[in-house]
Amino acid sequence: MKLLCSPASPYSNKVRMAAHFLSLELNAIRVDTNTAPAILVDNNPLGKIPTLLTDDEVSIYDSVAIMHYFDRLTKGGLYPSKKGKRTDAEILEALCDGICDCLLAIVYERRFRDEEKVHQPWIDRQWKKATSGLAHLSANPPKLGKKLNGGHFALAATLDYLELRFKDQWEADHAPLTDWLRQFDKKFPAHSELKSQG
């Protein structure tokens, strides 16, 4: 399988970590969405990453769809089988992806607008949403348990992206999450090589 991705993308890295955890062979192909490469737009009409190209030439896009494909491929290797625990994992993943949506909105606002056109109230609104999500997670750090799941990889990818793009802007207020990430490292030693890189 091939994964069209970016090393800085938290959604890409969530998928890459999950694939590694499940021992799925994945060829990561770095693409620049700004240049709209043919391999990407031909396989995903939205031109977004991550996009998975399966061995039987099916393209799967959106990180959640890819994660659920991996779960089916491994007969339940990525999400708990008990309905309640699975729902918890899916909610955790949705919350983390939502935080990343806000963080990326901030990054794009600063990166793609002329400095005098950057709209600070928009940035403040997105940051408030992100920190509200982080506060909830700090108050309720997810248990790592015996087996990692899709929600855990989503949280690790979110914290990695914060470390990459918002270093020293969140850690002091969310010590339980930095502690959680250290515990995650122990459970998933490959994390250091798969985390977001700019």
N, C-alpha and C. Protein backbone atom coordinates (compact mmCIF):
# COMPACT_ATOMS: atom_id res chain seq x y z
N MET A 1 0.83 -1.19 0.00
CA MET A 1 0.00 0.00 0.00
C MET A 1 0.87 1.24 0.00
N LYS A 2 0.34 2.29 -0.59
CA LYS A 2 1.03 3.57 -0.63
C LYS A 2 0.22 4.60 0.14
N LEU A 3 0.91 5.47 0.87
CA LEU A 3 0.24 6.54 1.58
C LEU A 3 0.78 7.87 1.08
N LEU A 4 -0.07 8.66 0.46
CA LEU A 4 0.30 10.01 0.05
C LEU A 4 0.14 10.89 1.27
N CYS A 5 1.24 11.52 1.66
CA CYS A 5 1.22 12.17 2.98
C CYS A 5 2.26 13.28 3.07
N SER A 6 2.31 13.91 4.22
CA SER A 6 3.33 14.90 4.55
C SER A 6 3.85 14.59 5.94
N PRO A 7 5.16 14.71 6.16
CA PRO A 7 5.70 14.40 7.49
C PRO A 7 5.25 15.38 8.57
N ALA A 8 4.72 16.54 8.18
CA ALA A 8 4.24 17.50 9.17
C ALA A 8 2.76 17.30 9.50
N SER A 9 2.04 16.57 8.67
CA SER A 9 0.60 16.43 8.83
C SER A 9 0.24 15.50 9.99
N PRO A 10 -0.52 16.00 10.97
CA PRO A 10 -0.91 15.12 12.09
C PRO A 10 -1.82 13.97 11.64
N TYR A 11 -2.65 14.23 10.64
CA TYR A 11 -3.55 13.18 10.15
C TYR A 11 -2.74 12.08 9.46
N SER A 12 -1.74 12.49 8.68
CA SER A 12 -0.86 11.52 8.03
C SER A 12 -0.12 10.69 9.06
N ASN A 13 0.36 11.35 10.10
CA ASN A 13 1.19 10.64 11.07
C ASN A 13 0.38 9.73 11.97
N LYS A 14 -0.87 10.10 12.21
CA LYS A 14 -1.77 9.19 12.93
C LYS A 14 -1.88 7.87 12.15
N VAL A 15 -2.07 7.98 10.85
CA VAL A 15 -2.22 6.81 9.99
C VAL A 15 -0.91 6.01 9.92
N ARG A 16 0.20 6.71 9.80
CA ARG A 16 1.50 6.02 9.73
C ARG A 16 1.79 5.26 11.01
N MET A 17 1.48 5.86 12.16
CA MET A 17 1.68 5.17 13.43
C MET A 17 0.80 3.93 13.53
N ALA A 18 -0.46 4.07 13.13
CA ALA A 18 -1.39 2.95 13.19
C ALA A 18 -0.91 1.80 12.31
N ALA A 19 -0.46 2.13 11.10
CA ALA A 19 0.03 1.09 10.18
C ALA A 19 1.22 0.36 10.79
N HIS A 20 2.14 1.10 11.38
CA HIS A 20 3.32 0.50 12.00
C HIS A 20 2.90 -0.42 13.15
N PHE A 21 1.98 0.06 13.97
CA PHE A 21 1.48 -0.72 15.10
C PHE A 21 0.86 -2.03 14.64
N LEU A 22 0.17 -1.99 13.51
CA LEU A 22 -0.52 -3.16 12.99
C LEU A 22 0.36 -4.03 12.08
N SER A 23 1.63 -3.63 11.93
CA SER A 23 2.58 -4.34 11.06
C SER A 23 2.10 -4.39 9.61
N LEU A 24 1.47 -3.31 9.18
CA LEU A 24 1.06 -3.19 7.78
C LEU A 24 2.17 -2.52 6.99
N GLU A 25 2.48 -3.09 5.85
CA GLU A 25 3.54 -2.51 5.02
C GLU A 25 2.98 -1.30 4.28
N LEU A 26 3.63 -0.18 4.50
CA LEU A 26 3.12 1.08 3.96
C LEU A 26 4.27 1.86 3.36
N ASN A 27 4.14 2.22 2.09
CA ASN A 27 5.13 3.04 1.42
C ASN A 27 4.66 4.49 1.49
N ALA A 28 5.29 5.28 2.35
CA ALA A 28 4.89 6.68 2.51
C ALA A 28 5.50 7.52 1.39
N ILE A 29 4.64 8.19 0.63
CA ILE A 29 5.08 9.05 -0.47
C ILE A 29 4.76 10.50 -0.11
N ARG A 30 5.80 11.28 0.02
CA ARG A 30 5.62 12.68 0.42
C ARG A 30 5.08 13.49 -0.75
N VAL A 31 3.99 14.22 -0.52
CA VAL A 31 3.42 15.07 -1.56
C VAL A 31 3.20 16.47 -1.00
N ASP A 32 3.25 17.45 -1.89
CA ASP A 32 2.99 18.84 -1.52
C ASP A 32 1.61 19.20 -2.06
N THR A 33 0.65 19.35 -1.18
CA THR A 33 -0.72 19.63 -1.62
C THR A 33 -0.83 20.97 -2.35
N ASN A 34 0.08 21.88 -2.09
CA ASN A 34 0.02 23.20 -2.74
C ASN A 34 0.30 23.13 -4.24
N THR A 35 1.02 22.09 -4.65
CA THR A 35 1.34 21.95 -6.08
C THR A 35 0.36 21.04 -6.80
N ALA A 36 -0.60 20.48 -6.06
CA ALA A 36 -1.63 19.59 -6.64
C ALA A 36 -1.03 18.55 -7.58
N PRO A 37 -0.13 17.69 -7.08
CA PRO A 37 0.49 16.67 -7.94
C PRO A 37 -0.56 15.70 -8.48
N ALA A 38 -0.32 15.22 -9.69
CA ALA A 38 -1.28 14.33 -10.36
C ALA A 38 -1.59 13.10 -9.53
N ILE A 39 -0.56 12.51 -8.90
CA ILE A 39 -0.79 11.29 -8.12
C ILE A 39 -1.81 11.52 -7.01
N LEU A 40 -1.87 12.74 -6.50
CA LEU A 40 -2.82 13.06 -5.44
C LEU A 40 -4.21 13.38 -5.99
N VAL A 41 -4.29 14.34 -6.92
CA VAL A 41 -5.61 14.76 -7.41
C VAL A 41 -6.29 13.68 -8.24
N ASP A 42 -5.50 12.80 -8.85
CA ASP A 42 -6.10 11.68 -9.60
C ASP A 42 -6.71 10.63 -8.68
N ASN A 43 -6.27 10.63 -7.43
CA ASN A 43 -6.76 9.62 -6.49
C ASN A 43 -7.64 10.17 -5.38
N ASN A 44 -7.70 11.48 -5.27
CA ASN A 44 -8.54 12.13 -4.27
C ASN A 44 -9.04 13.44 -4.86
N PRO A 45 -10.32 13.55 -5.20
CA PRO A 45 -10.83 14.75 -5.84
C PRO A 45 -10.66 16.00 -4.99
N LEU A 46 -10.47 15.83 -3.69
CA LEU A 46 -10.25 16.98 -2.81
C LEU A 46 -8.79 17.41 -2.80
N GLY A 47 -7.91 16.55 -3.29
CA GLY A 47 -6.48 16.89 -3.29
C GLY A 47 -5.91 17.02 -1.89
N LYS A 48 -6.45 16.22 -0.95
CA LYS A 48 -6.02 16.32 0.44
C LYS A 48 -5.25 15.08 0.87
N ILE A 49 -4.49 15.25 1.94
CA ILE A 49 -3.76 14.14 2.54
C ILE A 49 -4.30 13.90 3.95
N PRO A 50 -4.15 12.65 4.41
CA PRO A 50 -3.56 11.50 3.73
C PRO A 50 -4.55 10.84 2.77
N THR A 51 -3.98 10.24 1.74
CA THR A 51 -4.74 9.41 0.81
C THR A 51 -4.02 8.08 0.70
N LEU A 52 -4.77 7.00 0.90
CA LEU A 52 -4.20 5.66 0.85
C LEU A 52 -4.52 5.03 -0.50
N LEU A 53 -3.51 4.45 -1.13
CA LEU A 53 -3.69 3.69 -2.37
C LEU A 53 -3.46 2.23 -2.03
N THR A 54 -4.52 1.45 -2.09
CA THR A 54 -4.41 0.04 -1.71
C THR A 54 -3.74 -0.76 -2.83
N ASP A 55 -3.36 -1.98 -2.50
CA ASP A 55 -2.70 -2.85 -3.48
C ASP A 55 -3.62 -3.22 -4.62
N ASP A 56 -4.95 -3.17 -4.38
CA ASP A 56 -5.88 -3.46 -5.46
C ASP A 56 -6.42 -2.17 -6.10
N GLU A 57 -5.64 -1.11 -5.98
CA GLU A 57 -5.86 0.16 -6.68
C GLU A 57 -7.14 0.90 -6.27
N VAL A 58 -7.50 0.76 -5.02
CA VAL A 58 -8.59 1.55 -4.45
C VAL A 58 -7.97 2.72 -3.70
N SER A 59 -8.52 3.91 -3.87
CA SER A 59 -8.01 5.04 -3.11
C SER A 59 -8.98 5.33 -1.96
N ILE A 60 -8.41 5.49 -0.79
CA ILE A 60 -9.19 5.76 0.42
C ILE A 60 -8.67 7.05 1.02
N TYR A 61 -9.58 7.98 1.25
CA TYR A 61 -9.13 9.26 1.80
C TYR A 61 -9.97 9.71 2.97
N ASP A 62 -9.33 10.57 3.73
CA ASP A 62 -9.70 11.02 5.06
C ASP A 62 -9.07 10.02 6.03
N SER A 63 -8.38 10.57 7.01
CA SER A 63 -7.64 9.71 7.94
C SER A 63 -8.55 8.74 8.68
N VAL A 64 -9.77 9.17 9.01
CA VAL A 64 -10.68 8.28 9.74
C VAL A 64 -11.08 7.09 8.88
N ALA A 65 -11.39 7.34 7.60
CA ALA A 65 -11.74 6.24 6.70
C ALA A 65 -10.57 5.26 6.56
N ILE A 66 -9.35 5.79 6.51
CA ILE A 66 -8.16 4.94 6.40
C ILE A 66 -7.99 4.11 7.67
N MET A 67 -8.18 4.74 8.82
CA MET A 67 -8.04 4.03 10.09
C MET A 67 -9.06 2.88 10.19
N HIS A 68 -10.28 3.15 9.76
CA HIS A 68 -11.30 2.09 9.82
C HIS A 68 -11.02 1.00 8.79
N TYR A 69 -10.44 1.37 7.67
CA TYR A 69 -10.02 0.36 6.68
C TYR A 69 -8.94 -0.54 7.30
N PHE A 70 -7.97 0.06 7.97
CA PHE A 70 -6.94 -0.72 8.65
C PHE A 70 -7.56 -1.67 9.68
N ASP A 71 -8.55 -1.18 10.40
CA ASP A 71 -9.19 -2.00 11.43
C ASP A 71 -9.86 -3.22 10.80
N ARG A 72 -10.55 -3.00 9.68
CA ARG A 72 -11.20 -4.14 9.00
C ARG A 72 -10.16 -5.09 8.42
N LEU A 73 -9.08 -4.52 7.88
CA LEU A 73 -8.03 -5.32 7.27
C LEU A 73 -7.38 -6.26 8.29
N THR A 74 -7.29 -5.80 9.53
CA THR A 74 -6.64 -6.59 10.57
C THR A 74 -7.66 -7.25 11.51
N LYS A 75 -8.92 -7.27 11.06
CA LYS A 75 -9.99 -7.93 11.83
C LYS A 75 -10.08 -7.40 13.27
N GLY A 76 -10.14 -6.08 13.37
CA GLY A 76 -10.33 -5.45 14.68
C GLY A 76 -9.06 -5.13 15.41
N GLY A 77 -7.98 -4.91 14.68
CA GLY A 77 -6.70 -4.65 15.34
C GLY A 77 -6.52 -3.24 15.87
N LEU A 78 -7.42 -2.32 15.50
CA LEU A 78 -7.17 -0.92 15.83
C LEU A 78 -8.20 -0.31 16.78
N TYR A 79 -9.35 -0.90 16.89
CA TYR A 79 -10.39 -0.36 17.77
C TYR A 79 -10.92 -1.49 18.66
N PRO A 80 -11.32 -1.16 19.88
CA PRO A 80 -11.83 -2.20 20.79
C PRO A 80 -13.07 -2.88 20.22
N SER A 81 -13.26 -4.13 20.58
CA SER A 81 -14.41 -4.87 20.09
C SER A 81 -15.68 -4.54 20.88
N LYS A 82 -15.52 -4.19 22.17
CA LYS A 82 -16.68 -3.83 22.98
C LYS A 82 -17.20 -2.47 22.53
N LYS A 83 -18.52 -2.39 22.34
CA LYS A 83 -19.12 -1.19 21.75
C LYS A 83 -18.80 0.08 22.53
N GLY A 84 -18.92 0.01 23.85
CA GLY A 84 -18.67 1.20 24.66
C GLY A 84 -17.25 1.70 24.54
N LYS A 85 -16.30 0.77 24.61
CA LYS A 85 -14.89 1.15 24.51
C LYS A 85 -14.54 1.63 23.10
N ARG A 86 -15.18 1.02 22.11
CA ARG A 86 -14.94 1.47 20.74
C ARG A 86 -15.46 2.90 20.56
N THR A 87 -16.64 3.17 21.08
CA THR A 87 -17.18 4.52 21.00
C THR A 87 -16.26 5.52 21.68
N ASP A 88 -15.73 5.16 22.84
CA ASP A 88 -14.79 6.04 23.54
C ASP A 88 -13.57 6.35 22.67
N ALA A 89 -13.03 5.32 22.02
CA ALA A 89 -11.86 5.49 21.15
C ALA A 89 -12.19 6.39 19.96
N GLU A 90 -13.37 6.21 19.40
CA GLU A 90 -13.78 7.01 18.23
C GLU A 90 -14.03 8.46 18.63
N ILE A 91 -14.59 8.69 19.82
CA ILE A 91 -14.80 10.06 20.29
C ILE A 91 -13.46 10.74 20.55
N LEU A 92 -12.53 10.01 21.16
CA LEU A 92 -11.19 10.56 21.40
C LEU A 92 -10.55 10.96 20.08
N GLU A 93 -10.65 10.10 19.09
CA GLU A 93 -10.07 10.40 17.78
C GLU A 93 -10.73 11.64 17.16
N ALA A 94 -12.05 11.72 17.27
CA ALA A 94 -12.77 12.87 16.71
C ALA A 94 -12.37 14.16 17.41
N LEU A 95 -12.22 14.12 18.73
CA LEU A 95 -11.80 15.31 19.47
C LEU A 95 -10.40 15.75 19.05
N CYS A 96 -9.50 14.79 18.94
CA CYS A 96 -8.12 15.12 18.56
C CYS A 96 -8.05 15.66 17.13
N ASP A 97 -8.79 15.05 16.23
CA ASP A 97 -8.82 15.55 14.85
C ASP A 97 -9.41 16.96 14.81
N GLY A 98 -10.43 17.22 15.64
CA GLY A 98 -11.02 18.55 15.70
C GLY A 98 -10.04 19.59 16.21
N ILE A 99 -9.25 19.22 17.22
CA ILE A 99 -8.20 20.13 17.70
C ILE A 99 -7.22 20.43 16.58
N CYS A 100 -6.83 19.39 15.85
CA CYS A 100 -5.90 19.59 14.73
C CYS A 100 -6.50 20.48 13.65
N ASP A 101 -7.81 20.36 13.41
CA ASP A 101 -8.46 21.24 12.44
C ASP A 101 -8.26 22.70 12.85
N CYS A 102 -8.44 22.99 14.13
CA CYS A 102 -8.27 24.36 14.63
C CYS A 102 -6.82 24.82 14.51
N LEU A 103 -5.88 23.94 14.87
CA LEU A 103 -4.46 24.30 14.80
C LEU A 103 -4.03 24.58 13.36
N LEU A 104 -4.50 23.75 12.45
CA LEU A 104 -4.14 23.96 11.04
C LEU A 104 -4.77 25.24 10.49
N ALA A 105 -5.97 25.57 10.95
CA ALA A 105 -6.60 26.82 10.53
C ALA A 105 -5.74 28.02 10.95
N ILE A 106 -5.14 27.94 12.13
CA ILE A 106 -4.25 29.01 12.60
C ILE A 106 -3.00 29.09 11.74
N VAL A 107 -2.39 27.93 11.50
CA VAL A 107 -1.16 27.88 10.71
C VAL A 107 -1.41 28.44 9.31
N TYR A 108 -2.52 28.02 8.68
CA TYR A 108 -2.81 28.47 7.32
C TYR A 108 -3.13 29.96 7.27
N GLU A 109 -3.82 30.45 8.29
CA GLU A 109 -4.13 31.89 8.35
C GLU A 109 -2.84 32.70 8.36
N ARG A 110 -1.87 32.26 9.12
CA ARG A 110 -0.60 32.99 9.22
C ARG A 110 0.28 32.78 7.98
N ARG A 111 0.20 31.59 7.42
CA ARG A 111 1.12 31.25 6.33
C ARG A 111 0.67 31.81 4.97
N PHE A 112 -0.63 31.79 4.73
CA PHE A 112 -1.10 32.09 3.38
C PHE A 112 -1.73 33.47 3.20
N ARG A 113 -1.83 34.23 4.26
CA ARG A 113 -2.33 35.60 4.14
C ARG A 113 -1.18 36.59 4.29
N ASP A 114 -1.29 37.71 3.60
CA ASP A 114 -0.33 38.78 3.84
C ASP A 114 -0.46 39.22 5.30
N GLU A 115 0.66 39.60 5.87
CA GLU A 115 0.68 39.90 7.31
C GLU A 115 -0.40 40.90 7.73
N GLU A 116 -0.62 41.92 6.89
CA GLU A 116 -1.61 42.94 7.27
C GLU A 116 -3.05 42.44 7.14
N LYS A 117 -3.24 41.28 6.50
CA LYS A 117 -4.58 40.72 6.33
C LYS A 117 -4.89 39.58 7.30
N VAL A 118 -3.90 39.18 8.07
CA VAL A 118 -4.13 38.11 9.05
C VAL A 118 -5.19 38.58 10.04
N HIS A 119 -6.21 37.75 10.23
CA HIS A 119 -7.35 38.13 11.07
C HIS A 119 -7.17 37.52 12.46
N GLN A 120 -6.67 38.31 13.39
CA GLN A 120 -6.37 37.81 14.73
C GLN A 120 -7.59 37.27 15.46
N PRO A 121 -8.78 37.89 15.34
CA PRO A 121 -9.94 37.30 16.01
C PRO A 121 -10.24 35.87 15.56
N TRP A 122 -9.99 35.57 14.28
CA TRP A 122 -10.16 34.21 13.78
C TRP A 122 -9.16 33.26 14.44
N ILE A 123 -7.91 33.71 14.54
CA ILE A 123 -6.88 32.90 15.19
C ILE A 123 -7.24 32.67 16.65
N ASP A 124 -7.68 33.73 17.32
CA ASP A 124 -8.04 33.60 18.74
C ASP A 124 -9.19 32.61 18.93
N ARG A 125 -10.15 32.66 18.02
CA ARG A 125 -11.30 31.75 18.12
C ARG A 125 -10.87 30.30 17.96
N GLN A 126 -9.99 30.05 16.98
CA GLN A 126 -9.51 28.68 16.77
C GLN A 126 -8.66 28.20 17.94
N TRP A 127 -7.84 29.08 18.48
CA TRP A 127 -6.99 28.71 19.62
C TRP A 127 -7.84 28.41 20.85
N LYS A 128 -8.91 29.17 21.03
CA LYS A 128 -9.81 28.92 22.17
C LYS A 128 -10.44 27.53 22.05
N LYS A 129 -10.86 27.16 20.85
CA LYS A 129 -11.42 25.82 20.64
C LYS A 129 -10.37 24.75 20.93
N ALA A 130 -9.17 24.95 20.41
CA ALA A 130 -8.11 23.97 20.60
C ALA A 130 -7.78 23.80 22.08
N THR A 131 -7.64 24.91 22.80
CA THR A 131 -7.27 24.83 24.21
C THR A 131 -8.42 24.28 25.06
N SER A 132 -9.65 24.51 24.61
CA SER A 132 -10.79 23.91 25.30
C SER A 132 -10.73 22.38 25.18
N GLY A 133 -10.40 21.90 23.98
CA GLY A 133 -10.24 20.47 23.78
C GLY A 133 -9.09 19.91 24.61
N LEU A 134 -8.00 20.64 24.65
CA LEU A 134 -6.84 20.19 25.43
C LEU A 134 -7.16 20.17 26.92
N ALA A 135 -7.92 21.16 27.38
CA ALA A 135 -8.30 21.19 28.80
C ALA A 135 -9.14 19.97 29.16
N HIS A 136 -10.05 19.62 28.27
CA HIS A 136 -10.88 18.42 28.50
C HIS A 136 -10.00 17.17 28.57
N LEU A 137 -9.04 17.07 27.66
CA LEU A 137 -8.15 15.91 27.65
C LEU A 137 -7.23 15.88 28.86
N SER A 138 -6.78 17.06 29.31
CA SER A 138 -5.93 17.12 30.50
C SER A 138 -6.68 16.66 31.74
N ALA A 139 -7.96 17.03 31.79
CA ALA A 139 -8.79 16.64 32.94
C ALA A 139 -9.19 15.17 32.87
N ASN A 140 -9.16 14.63 31.67
CA ASN A 140 -9.57 13.23 31.46
C ASN A 140 -8.58 12.51 30.56
N PRO A 141 -7.32 12.38 30.98
CA PRO A 141 -6.35 11.72 30.10
C PRO A 141 -6.77 10.29 29.81
N PRO A 142 -6.79 9.90 28.53
CA PRO A 142 -7.25 8.55 28.21
C PRO A 142 -6.30 7.48 28.74
N LYS A 143 -6.88 6.41 29.24
CA LYS A 143 -6.07 5.30 29.72
C LYS A 143 -5.44 4.59 28.53
N LEU A 144 -4.19 4.20 28.70
CA LEU A 144 -3.50 3.48 27.62
C LEU A 144 -3.84 2.00 27.64
N GLY A 145 -4.09 1.45 28.81
CA GLY A 145 -4.53 0.06 28.90
C GLY A 145 -3.56 -0.93 28.31
N LYS A 146 -4.07 -2.13 28.04
CA LYS A 146 -3.23 -3.21 27.51
C LYS A 146 -2.92 -3.02 26.04
N LYS A 147 -3.85 -2.42 25.30
CA LYS A 147 -3.70 -2.33 23.85
C LYS A 147 -3.99 -0.92 23.36
N LEU A 148 -3.14 -0.42 22.49
CA LEU A 148 -3.36 0.90 21.91
C LEU A 148 -4.49 0.84 20.90
N ASN A 149 -5.15 1.99 20.69
CA ASN A 149 -6.22 2.05 19.70
C ASN A 149 -6.13 3.33 18.87
N GLY A 150 -7.04 3.47 17.94
CA GLY A 150 -7.01 4.61 17.03
C GLY A 150 -7.05 5.96 17.73
N GLY A 151 -7.78 6.04 18.84
CA GLY A 151 -7.83 7.30 19.59
C GLY A 151 -6.48 7.67 20.17
N HIS A 152 -5.74 6.68 20.64
CA HIS A 152 -4.41 6.94 21.19
C HIS A 152 -3.47 7.51 20.13
N PHE A 153 -3.53 6.95 18.93
CA PHE A 153 -2.65 7.45 17.86
C PHE A 153 -3.05 8.86 17.44
N ALA A 154 -4.35 9.14 17.48
CA ALA A 154 -4.82 10.49 17.16
C ALA A 154 -4.32 11.50 18.18
N LEU A 155 -4.35 11.12 19.45
CA LEU A 155 -3.87 12.04 20.50
C LEU A 155 -2.37 12.26 20.38
N ALA A 156 -1.63 11.19 20.17
CA ALA A 156 -0.17 11.33 20.01
C ALA A 156 0.15 12.25 18.83
N ALA A 157 -0.55 12.08 17.72
CA ALA A 157 -0.30 12.91 16.54
C ALA A 157 -0.65 14.37 16.82
N THR A 158 -1.71 14.60 17.59
CA THR A 158 -2.10 15.97 17.94
C THR A 158 -1.03 16.63 18.81
N LEU A 159 -0.56 15.92 19.81
CA LEU A 159 0.45 16.48 20.70
C LEU A 159 1.77 16.70 19.96
N ASP A 160 2.09 15.81 19.03
CA ASP A 160 3.29 15.99 18.21
C ASP A 160 3.18 17.27 17.38
N TYR A 161 1.99 17.50 16.81
CA TYR A 161 1.81 18.69 15.98
C TYR A 161 1.89 19.97 16.83
N LEU A 162 1.35 19.91 18.02
CA LEU A 162 1.49 21.05 18.94
C LEU A 162 2.96 21.33 19.24
N GLU A 163 3.70 20.26 19.46
CA GLU A 163 5.13 20.41 19.74
C GLU A 163 5.87 21.00 18.54
N LEU A 164 5.43 20.63 17.35
CA LEU A 164 6.08 21.10 16.12
C LEU A 164 5.76 22.56 15.83
N ARG A 165 4.50 22.95 15.92
CA ARG A 165 4.06 24.28 15.48
C ARG A 165 3.72 25.27 16.59
N PHE A 166 3.53 24.76 17.81
CA PHE A 166 3.10 25.64 18.91
C PHE A 166 3.90 25.38 20.18
N LYS A 167 5.18 25.13 20.00
CA LYS A 167 6.04 24.79 21.13
C LYS A 167 6.03 25.91 22.17
N ASP A 168 5.97 25.52 23.43
CA ASP A 168 5.98 26.43 24.58
C ASP A 168 4.72 27.29 24.70
N GLN A 169 3.68 26.94 23.97
CA GLN A 169 2.43 27.71 24.05
C GLN A 169 1.31 26.93 24.74
N TRP A 170 1.55 25.68 25.11
CA TRP A 170 0.48 24.85 25.66
C TRP A 170 0.93 23.94 26.80
N GLU A 171 2.21 23.57 26.82
CA GLU A 171 2.67 22.52 27.72
C GLU A 171 2.44 22.86 29.20
N ALA A 172 2.71 24.11 29.59
CA ALA A 172 2.63 24.48 31.00
C ALA A 172 1.22 24.29 31.57
N ASP A 173 0.22 24.48 30.73
CA ASP A 173 -1.17 24.36 31.19
C ASP A 173 -1.72 22.94 31.06
N HIS A 174 -0.94 22.05 30.46
CA HIS A 174 -1.47 20.71 30.18
C HIS A 174 -0.46 19.62 30.51
N ALA A 175 0.08 19.71 31.73
CA ALA A 175 1.09 18.73 32.17
C ALA A 175 0.60 17.28 32.08
N PRO A 176 -0.68 16.99 32.36
CA PRO A 176 -1.12 15.60 32.24
C PRO A 176 -0.95 15.04 30.83
N LEU A 177 -1.01 15.91 29.83
CA LEU A 177 -0.86 15.43 28.46
C LEU A 177 0.60 15.17 28.11
N THR A 178 1.51 15.99 28.64
CA THR A 178 2.93 15.69 28.40
C THR A 178 3.32 14.41 29.13
N ASP A 179 2.73 14.18 30.30
CA ASP A 179 2.96 12.92 31.02
C ASP A 179 2.40 11.75 30.22
N TRP A 180 1.20 11.94 29.66
CA TRP A 180 0.57 10.89 28.86
C TRP A 180 1.46 10.51 27.67
N LEU A 181 2.04 11.54 27.03
CA LEU A 181 2.87 11.28 25.86
C LEU A 181 4.12 10.48 26.23
N ARG A 182 4.66 10.72 27.40
CA ARG A 182 5.81 9.93 27.86
C ARG A 182 5.41 8.47 28.05
N GLN A 183 4.23 8.24 28.60
CA GLN A 183 3.75 6.87 28.77
C GLN A 183 3.48 6.21 27.41
N PHE A 184 2.97 6.99 26.48
CA PHE A 184 2.72 6.47 25.13
C PHE A 184 4.04 6.05 24.48
N ASP A 185 5.08 6.85 24.67
CA ASP A 185 6.41 6.52 24.13
C ASP A 185 6.88 5.14 24.61
N LYS A 186 6.61 4.84 25.87
CA LYS A 186 7.03 3.56 26.42
C LYS A 186 6.26 2.41 25.78
N LYS A 187 4.97 2.65 25.49
CA LYS A 187 4.14 1.61 24.89
C LYS A 187 4.40 1.47 23.40
N PHE A 188 4.84 2.55 22.77
CA PHE A 188 5.01 2.56 21.31
C PHE A 188 6.37 3.20 20.98
N PRO A 189 7.46 2.44 21.12
CA PRO A 189 8.81 2.99 20.93
C PRO A 189 9.05 3.59 19.55
N ALA A 190 8.29 3.16 18.54
CA ALA A 190 8.49 3.70 17.17
C ALA A 190 8.00 5.14 17.04
N HIS A 191 7.35 5.64 18.09
CA HIS A 191 6.77 6.99 18.04
C HIS A 191 7.79 8.04 17.63
N SER A 192 8.98 7.98 18.20
CA SER A 192 9.98 9.03 17.94
C SER A 192 10.34 9.16 16.48
N GLU A 193 10.30 8.06 15.73
CA GLU A 193 10.66 8.13 14.31
C GLU A 193 9.46 8.46 13.42
N LEU A 194 8.25 8.37 13.96
CA LEU A 194 7.06 8.59 13.17
C LEU A 194 6.35 9.91 13.47
N LYS A 195 6.83 10.66 14.45
CA LYS A 195 6.14 11.87 14.86
C LYS A 195 6.28 12.98 13.79
N SER A 196 5.44 13.99 13.90
CA SER A 196 5.42 15.11 12.96
C SER A 196 6.78 15.78 12.86
N GLN A 197 7.17 16.06 11.63
CA GLN A 197 8.43 16.74 11.37
C GLN A 197 8.20 17.85 10.36
N GLY A 198 8.77 19.01 10.63
CA GLY A 198 8.56 20.15 9.74
C GLY A 198 9.63 20.27 8.69
